[in-house]
Amino acid sequence: MTRQLFLIFALAAASLQAEPTNWKIDTSHSAAQFSVKHMMVSTVRGHFGTLAGTAVYDAANPAATKVEATVDVNTIDTRNERRDKHLRSADFFDVENHPQMTFKSKSFSVVSPGKMKMTGDLTIRGTTKEVTFELEGPTAPINTGRGLKMGAVATTVINRKDFGMTWNRAIEAGGVTVGDEVTLTIDIQLDQVK
């Protein structure tokens, strides 16, 4: 009898784990970061202060994962207020007309254990382009005493001109002030929604 009860509970637990689960981004432990070449010789790095979003994750079928995320572009921070003001202007993000950057996943593919590709629509400055992120994770969920948590890191490279950010300035030594390719890195911690 005891063994039968154990098997029933084990099967019930397995079926629960196989169900898709809902998660939300922990904004205080997540970050949207970027890096871009400056003057052809150095790299400027910055981040956005507010990242929010949700995910639906099925451990039994990771390819069925769905993610939606929103970034408050007005919170851009490169540790230089003058530069940040320029980045908020119509030359770049045009936050007055486009205060948010959004991502909505369309497909996931498993590359190897712990690595996936995440493809979806990235919208910046009112322009939407399909991009693919290299994804490390998600980690196995852990219980911290405040519910289940897991994490992931997503990285991609975009061309800023594809999103209407075409401003640049030639420099005397040759080349331009701002590189075209921008690396986006999203570090997220997810909290399970009960």
Foldseek 3Di string as FASTA:
>chain_A
DVVVVVVVVVVVVVVVLQAKFKKKWPLVPKWKKKWWDFPNPDIQIKTANGKIWMKIAGPVCRFPIWIKMKTQLLRIDRPDVVVSVVCCPPLHQVCVVPRMKMWTWDTKADPDVQWIKTWTWIATSNDIDIWIWIKGDFDDWDCPVVATKTWMKTKGKDFRVSNVNDDWAADPVGDIGIHRIMMIMIITMIGTDD
